[in-house]
């Protein structure tokens, strides 16, 4: 396991209404050790809101403008502590604040990946958080569990650790589920007053990451030795077994891009896609949405989502050519592509 994303939440970082500096010092020591061993580590850290509350000696706020201002203040305090903690181990850090738009937009996503390459070349540890100061409902992650999962997918991580205050996902009897199985009834926990995500968001994050080929675990972050054990190949907490790994553009299409429309196909097209063929206009029965060329769309057969892809045509053009054979398309107008979605720009679930 070479590339690891570690997510730590507010419930672990805040103790007695203050930032738990001892915890961050120990965490920085373990991460620094991993880096010395040749591992690449990205830390996804919550805590800005809580840090801002403590720094300004305030109670939880209701106004959105005040919450955003609070996060701007808290980020500074949090990064100061991380900077000092990693400095003990001669490690430098960088802060990256993200919104969901940074993943949806392919160009911005590529810029993010290039930034990570540069930081890695300098030996600098990225610390990631949601950019709460500018996030709106349309571009919010809502919690750092989802952010860490999408980041791990986009970065092509080998492992994702979601550190929490319990030993893992518990079944209805209170026992830890060693390997996650959606058929097992789980015990629900209330969200903490400091954090935004519950156990269900962690499970969703684990399922998404595992579906893209990333081994994921939800485990007790109070036992920081879990980090070294997980990286060494041991199963700690609740593990999500990874599927075959998707890389590069296909991973972005499947898990990070935001669909702008729907394409409904017939059985012939469905059979072709299952045999790793491109989607041709003749196989399309119906179009929904107002997407442009190059904007992701979901693919449906019998009203069931079966895939996702990047079309060569806009919705307006698709309505004109859907159901028609490639030879007939050229007679209609200026349509340059035989494929509505090329197999290289498509993922079948």
Protein backbone atom coordinates (compact mmCIF):
# COMPACT_ATOMS: atom_id res chain seq x y z
CA UNK A 1 0.00 0.00 0.00
CA UNK A 2 1.79 3.09 -1.28
CA UNK A 3 -0.77 5.91 -1.40
CA UNK A 4 -2.96 6.40 1.68
CA UNK A 5 -5.66 8.93 2.53
CA UNK A 6 -6.39 9.40 6.24
CA UNK A 7 -9.51 11.25 7.33
CA UNK A 8 -9.78 12.51 10.90
CA UNK A 9 -12.94 14.16 12.24
CA UNK A 10 -13.73 16.87 14.73
CA UNK A 11 -14.79 14.39 17.39
CA UNK A 12 -11.17 13.18 17.55
CA UNK A 13 -9.50 16.57 17.18
CA UNK A 14 -11.48 18.41 19.87
CA UNK A 15 -11.16 17.58 23.56
CA UNK A 16 -12.57 19.55 26.48
CA UNK A 17 -13.73 22.30 24.11
CA UNK A 18 -10.26 22.85 22.70
CA UNK A 19 -8.06 21.44 19.95
CA UNK A 20 -6.37 18.27 21.16
CA UNK A 21 -2.75 19.18 20.44
CA UNK A 22 -1.40 15.93 21.92
CA UNK A 23 -3.52 13.96 19.47
CA UNK A 24 -2.28 15.98 16.49
CA UNK A 25 1.34 15.58 17.64
CA UNK A 26 0.96 11.80 17.80
CA UNK A 27 -0.86 11.72 14.46
CA UNK A 28 1.88 13.78 12.81
CA UNK A 29 4.52 11.38 14.19
CA UNK A 30 2.81 8.34 12.66
CA UNK A 31 2.27 10.04 9.29
CA UNK A 32 5.89 11.21 9.25
CA UNK A 33 7.04 7.64 9.91
CA UNK A 34 4.99 6.38 6.98
CA UNK A 35 6.54 8.99 4.72
CA UNK A 36 10.02 7.99 5.87
CA UNK A 37 9.11 4.46 4.79
CA UNK A 38 8.37 5.71 1.28
CA UNK A 39 4.58 6.03 1.59
CA UNK A 40 2.59 8.91 0.14
CA UNK A 41 0.04 10.23 2.65
CA UNK A 42 -2.72 12.81 2.38
CA UNK A 43 -4.54 13.95 5.50
CA UNK A 44 -8.19 15.04 5.30
CA UNK A 45 -8.85 17.01 8.45
CA UNK A 46 -12.05 18.40 9.89
CA UNK A 47 -12.02 20.78 12.82
CA UNK A 48 -12.05 24.28 11.31
CA UNK A 49 -15.51 25.13 12.62
CA UNK A 50 -14.74 23.78 16.08
CA UNK A 51 -11.35 25.49 16.12
CA UNK A 52 -12.98 28.80 15.20
CA UNK A 53 -15.56 28.45 17.95
CA UNK A 54 -12.89 27.82 20.55
CA UNK A 55 -10.57 30.56 19.30
CA UNK A 56 -13.34 33.19 19.36
CA UNK A 57 -14.93 31.75 22.52
CA UNK A 58 -18.33 31.44 20.86
CA UNK A 59 -21.25 29.04 21.00
CA UNK A 60 -22.47 27.26 17.82
CA UNK A 61 -23.80 29.78 15.29
CA UNK A 62 -26.89 29.62 13.07
CA UNK A 63 -26.18 32.30 10.49
CA UNK A 64 -24.56 30.92 7.31
CA UNK A 65 -22.42 34.03 6.90
CA UNK A 66 -21.15 33.69 10.49
CA UNK A 67 -20.44 29.97 10.03
CA UNK A 68 -18.42 30.65 6.88
CA UNK A 69 -16.48 33.41 8.64
CA UNK A 70 -15.91 31.07 11.58
CA UNK A 71 -14.37 28.44 9.29
CA UNK A 72 -12.07 31.05 7.76
CA UNK A 73 -10.80 31.90 11.25
CA UNK A 74 -10.63 28.28 12.38
CA UNK A 75 -8.62 27.08 9.38
CA UNK A 76 -5.77 29.38 10.36
CA UNK A 77 -5.68 28.09 13.93
CA UNK A 78 -5.87 24.47 12.85
CA UNK A 79 -3.08 24.79 10.29
CA UNK A 80 -0.83 26.53 12.82
CA UNK A 81 -1.06 23.49 15.06
CA UNK A 82 -0.45 21.05 12.21
CA UNK A 83 2.51 23.11 11.01
CA UNK A 84 4.14 23.08 14.45
CA UNK A 85 3.43 19.37 14.96
CA UNK A 86 4.97 18.27 11.63
CA UNK A 87 7.88 20.65 12.09
CA UNK A 88 9.11 18.42 14.93
CA UNK A 89 9.68 15.74 12.29
CA UNK A 90 11.18 18.12 9.71
CA UNK A 91 8.08 17.82 7.53
CA UNK A 92 6.38 20.65 5.68
CA UNK A 93 2.65 20.88 5.04
CA UNK A 94 0.35 22.51 2.51
CA UNK A 95 -3.33 23.29 2.81
CA UNK A 96 -5.79 22.51 0.00
CA UNK A 97 -9.40 23.67 0.36
CA UNK A 98 -11.87 22.02 -2.01
CA UNK A 99 -15.47 22.09 -3.13
CA UNK A 100 -17.33 19.40 -5.06
CA UNK A 101 -16.99 21.60 -8.16
CA UNK A 102 -13.24 20.95 -8.11
CA UNK A 103 -14.02 17.30 -8.86
CA UNK A 104 -16.98 17.81 -11.21
CA UNK A 105 -15.01 20.15 -13.48
CA UNK A 106 -12.50 18.04 -15.43
CA UNK A 107 -10.02 20.90 -15.98
CA UNK A 108 -10.01 21.89 -12.30
CA UNK A 109 -9.68 18.25 -11.34
CA UNK A 110 -6.58 17.89 -13.56
CA UNK A 111 -5.14 21.07 -11.99
CA UNK A 112 -5.67 19.53 -8.55
CA UNK A 113 -3.83 16.38 -9.58
CA UNK A 114 -0.94 18.46 -10.94
CA UNK A 115 -0.74 20.35 -7.65
CA UNK A 116 -0.48 17.03 -5.78
CA UNK A 117 2.31 15.90 -8.11
CA UNK A 118 4.21 19.11 -7.37
CA UNK A 119 3.73 18.79 -3.61
CA UNK A 120 4.94 15.19 -3.75
CA UNK A 121 8.07 16.27 -5.63
CA UNK A 122 8.81 18.76 -2.85
CA UNK A 123 8.07 16.16 -0.14
CA UNK A 124 5.24 18.27 1.28
CA UNK A 125 2.25 16.73 3.09
CA UNK A 126 -1.15 17.93 1.77
CA UNK A 127 -3.84 18.61 4.37
CA UNK A 128 -7.29 18.71 2.80
CA UNK A 129 -10.56 20.22 3.98
CA UNK A 130 -13.79 21.44 2.42
CA UNK A 131 -13.73 25.10 1.47
CA UNK A 132 -16.62 26.04 3.74
CA UNK A 133 -16.05 29.75 3.23
CA UNK A 134 -17.32 29.63 -0.37
CA UNK A 135 -19.35 26.39 -0.48
CA UNK A 136 -23.00 26.57 -1.44
CA UNK A 137 -25.52 23.73 -1.40
CA UNK A 138 -24.80 22.98 -5.08
CA UNK A 139 -21.06 22.46 -4.55
CA UNK A 140 -20.89 21.26 -0.94
CA UNK A 141 -19.65 17.87 0.10
CA UNK A 142 -21.52 18.28 3.38
CA UNK A 143 -19.02 16.18 5.31
CA UNK A 144 -15.39 15.17 5.03
CA UNK A 145 -16.24 11.47 4.72
CA UNK A 146 -17.52 12.07 1.22
CA UNK A 147 -14.68 14.47 0.47
CA UNK A 148 -12.05 11.94 1.56
CA UNK A 149 -13.64 9.20 -0.55
CA UNK A 150 -13.80 11.32 -3.69
CA UNK A 151 -10.28 12.60 -3.11
CA UNK A 152 -8.96 9.05 -2.68
CA UNK A 153 -10.67 8.01 -5.91
CA UNK A 154 -9.35 10.99 -7.84
CA UNK A 155 -5.83 10.60 -6.46
CA UNK A 156 -5.79 6.87 -7.21
CA UNK A 157 -5.11 5.92 -3.59
CA UNK A 158 -4.47 2.35 -2.49
CA UNK A 159 -6.04 2.80 0.94
CA UNK A 160 -8.54 5.04 2.71
CA UNK A 161 -8.88 5.28 6.48
CA UNK A 162 -11.94 6.91 8.04
CA UNK A 163 -10.96 7.49 11.65
CA UNK A 164 -13.83 7.79 14.09
CA UNK A 165 -14.51 7.48 17.83
CA UNK A 166 -15.82 3.89 17.68
CA UNK A 167 -14.09 0.63 16.75
CA UNK A 168 -15.90 0.31 13.41
CA UNK A 169 -19.37 -0.29 12.05
CA UNK A 170 -21.35 -2.13 14.70
CA UNK A 171 -24.12 -4.62 14.10
CA UNK A 172 -27.41 -4.46 15.98
CA UNK A 173 -25.83 -6.43 18.85
CA UNK A 174 -23.01 -3.90 19.22
CA UNK A 175 -20.31 -6.15 17.70
CA UNK A 176 -17.84 -4.81 15.14
CA UNK A 177 -18.54 -5.93 11.56
CA UNK A 178 -15.09 -7.04 10.40
CA UNK A 179 -15.92 -7.02 6.68
CA UNK A 180 -18.80 -4.80 5.64
CA UNK A 181 -21.87 -6.54 4.28
CA UNK A 182 -24.88 -4.47 3.29
CA UNK A 183 -27.17 -7.30 4.40
CA UNK A 184 -26.12 -6.98 8.05
CA UNK A 185 -28.34 -4.78 10.21
CA UNK A 186 -26.19 -2.03 11.72
CA UNK A 187 -26.39 0.01 14.90
CA UNK A 188 -27.00 3.69 14.28
CA UNK A 189 -25.15 6.45 16.14
CA UNK A 190 -26.17 10.06 16.48
CA UNK A 191 -23.96 12.69 14.87
CA UNK A 192 -21.65 14.45 17.27
CA UNK A 193 -22.18 18.11 18.09
CA UNK A 194 -18.88 19.00 16.42
CA UNK A 195 -18.95 16.83 13.30
CA UNK A 196 -21.31 16.77 10.31
CA UNK A 197 -21.16 13.11 9.27
CA UNK A 198 -22.64 10.02 10.91
CA UNK A 199 -21.89 6.33 10.45
CA UNK A 200 -24.10 6.19 7.34
CA UNK A 201 -21.97 8.80 5.55
CA UNK A 202 -18.85 6.81 6.40
CA UNK A 203 -20.41 3.65 5.00
CA UNK A 204 -21.38 5.46 1.80
CA UNK A 205 -17.83 6.80 1.51
CA UNK A 206 -16.38 3.33 2.10
CA UNK A 207 -18.63 1.74 -0.52
CA UNK A 208 -17.74 4.37 -3.13
CA UNK A 209 -14.01 4.06 -2.54
CA UNK A 210 -14.10 0.26 -2.52
CA UNK A 211 -16.13 0.25 -5.75
CA UNK A 212 -13.26 2.09 -7.42
CA UNK A 213 -10.66 -0.36 -6.13
CA UNK A 214 -9.53 1.30 -2.89
CA UNK A 215 -9.27 -0.78 0.28
CA UNK A 216 -11.12 1.19 2.94
CA UNK A 217 -11.64 0.89 6.66
CA UNK A 218 -13.69 2.62 9.32
CA UNK A 219 -11.82 2.28 12.59
CA UNK A 220 -11.14 3.84 15.98
CA UNK A 221 -8.96 6.92 15.59
CA UNK A 222 -8.25 7.02 19.31
CA UNK A 223 -6.06 3.96 18.67
CA UNK A 224 -3.64 5.57 16.26
CA UNK A 225 -1.65 2.33 16.01
CA UNK A 226 -4.50 1.24 13.71
CA UNK A 227 -2.94 3.36 10.97
CA UNK A 228 0.34 1.41 10.80
CA UNK A 229 -1.52 -1.90 11.06
CA UNK A 230 -3.87 -1.06 8.19
CA UNK A 231 -1.05 0.15 5.95
CA UNK A 232 0.91 -3.05 6.67
CA UNK A 233 -2.01 -5.12 5.37
CA UNK A 234 -3.87 -6.02 8.55
CA UNK A 235 -7.63 -5.58 8.78
CA UNK A 236 -8.65 -3.14 11.49
CA UNK A 237 -12.13 -1.91 12.32
CA UNK A 238 -14.61 -2.51 9.49
CA UNK A 239 -13.01 -3.18 6.12
CA UNK A 240 -14.56 -2.58 2.70
CA UNK A 241 -13.16 -5.06 0.20
CA UNK A 242 -12.12 -3.29 -3.02
CA UNK A 243 -13.36 -4.13 -6.51
CA UNK A 244 -11.16 -4.00 -9.61
CA UNK A 245 -9.41 -0.64 -9.68
CA UNK A 246 -10.51 2.02 -12.15
CA UNK A 247 -7.80 4.46 -13.15
CA UNK A 248 -7.53 7.91 -14.65
CA UNK A 249 -10.37 9.24 -16.73
CA UNK A 250 -12.62 6.21 -16.18
CA UNK A 251 -12.49 6.71 -12.40
CA UNK A 252 -13.38 10.36 -12.87
CA UNK A 253 -16.31 9.48 -15.14
CA UNK A 254 -17.68 6.80 -12.83
CA UNK A 255 -17.33 8.38 -9.40
CA UNK A 256 -16.42 12.07 -9.59
CA UNK A 257 -18.18 13.64 -12.56
CA UNK A 258 -21.67 15.11 -12.23
CA UNK A 259 -24.22 13.84 -14.75
CA UNK A 260 -26.11 16.46 -16.71
CA UNK A 261 -28.57 14.23 -18.51
CA UNK A 262 -29.97 10.77 -19.15
CA UNK A 263 -29.74 8.45 -22.15
CA UNK A 264 -32.15 5.52 -22.46
CA UNK A 265 -31.01 2.66 -24.72
CA UNK A 266 -32.50 -0.46 -26.30
CA UNK A 267 -31.47 -4.09 -25.79
CA UNK A 268 -29.17 -4.16 -28.82
CA UNK A 269 -27.20 -1.21 -27.48
CA UNK A 270 -27.14 -2.71 -24.00
CA UNK A 271 -25.68 -5.98 -25.36
CA UNK A 272 -23.06 -4.01 -27.31
CA UNK A 273 -22.01 -2.04 -24.21
CA UNK A 274 -21.67 -5.26 -22.20
CA UNK A 275 -19.29 -6.48 -24.91
CA UNK A 276 -17.17 -3.33 -24.54
CA UNK A 277 -18.50 -1.58 -27.64
CA UNK A 278 -19.32 2.10 -28.13
CA UNK A 279 -22.83 3.50 -27.86
CA UNK A 280 -24.20 4.33 -31.33
CA UNK A 281 -27.14 6.67 -32.01
CA UNK A 282 -29.19 3.79 -33.41
CA UNK A 283 -29.32 2.22 -29.94
CA UNK A 284 -30.78 5.30 -28.22
CA UNK A 285 -34.51 5.37 -27.50
CA UNK A 286 -34.87 8.60 -25.52
CA UNK A 287 -32.90 11.60 -24.25
CA UNK A 288 -33.55 13.61 -21.07
CA UNK A 289 -31.76 16.70 -19.82
CA UNK A 290 -30.11 19.71 -21.42
CA UNK A 291 -26.46 18.69 -21.64
CA UNK A 292 -23.72 19.98 -23.91
CA UNK A 293 -21.15 17.97 -25.80
CA UNK A 294 -18.57 16.64 -23.33
CA UNK A 295 -20.86 16.85 -20.27
CA UNK A 296 -21.37 13.50 -18.48
CA UNK A 297 -24.63 11.61 -18.86
CA UNK A 298 -26.12 8.54 -17.17
CA UNK A 299 -27.03 5.55 -19.33
CA UNK A 300 -30.22 3.58 -18.61
CA UNK A 301 -31.65 0.28 -19.85
CA UNK A 302 -35.20 -0.64 -18.78
CA UNK A 303 -35.06 2.43 -16.50
CA UNK A 304 -32.10 0.94 -14.63
CA UNK A 305 -28.81 2.84 -14.42
CA UNK A 306 -26.16 0.71 -16.14
CA UNK A 307 -23.40 3.18 -16.98
CA UNK A 308 -22.08 6.68 -17.42
CA UNK A 309 -20.21 8.40 -20.21
CA UNK A 310 -19.03 11.52 -22.04
CA UNK A 311 -21.10 12.13 -25.20
CA UNK A 312 -19.82 13.45 -28.51
CA UNK A 313 -23.05 15.36 -29.02
CA UNK A 314 -25.26 17.78 -27.13
CA UNK A 315 -28.79 16.91 -26.07
CA UNK A 316 -30.12 19.07 -28.89
CA UNK A 317 -28.14 17.10 -31.49
CA UNK A 318 -28.88 13.79 -29.77
CA UNK A 319 -32.63 14.28 -30.20
CA UNK A 320 -32.08 14.63 -33.96
CA UNK A 321 -29.88 11.54 -34.44
CA UNK A 322 -31.15 9.10 -31.80
CA UNK A 323 -32.49 5.86 -33.30
CA UNK A 324 -30.75 6.46 -36.63
CA UNK A 325 -28.03 4.38 -38.26
CA UNK A 326 -24.56 5.87 -38.71
CA UNK A 327 -24.93 5.93 -42.50
CA UNK A 328 -28.12 7.97 -42.24
CA UNK A 329 -26.66 10.53 -39.83
CA UNK A 330 -24.31 11.92 -42.45
CA UNK A 331 -27.28 12.69 -44.69
CA UNK A 332 -29.01 14.75 -42.01
CA UNK A 333 -26.35 17.36 -41.34
CA UNK A 334 -22.89 18.05 -40.01
CA UNK A 335 -22.46 15.19 -37.52
CA UNK A 336 -18.81 14.17 -37.28
CA UNK A 337 -18.90 11.15 -34.98
CA UNK A 338 -20.31 7.68 -35.60
CA UNK A 339 -20.37 7.05 -31.83
CA UNK A 340 -22.66 8.90 -29.47
CA UNK A 341 -20.34 7.81 -26.65
CA UNK A 342 -17.03 6.14 -27.45
CA UNK A 343 -16.14 3.08 -25.39
CA UNK A 344 -13.00 4.87 -24.12
CA UNK A 345 -15.19 7.58 -22.58
CA UNK A 346 -17.66 5.26 -20.87
CA UNK A 347 -17.93 3.14 -17.73
CA UNK A 348 -20.41 0.28 -17.40
CA UNK A 349 -21.39 -0.52 -13.82
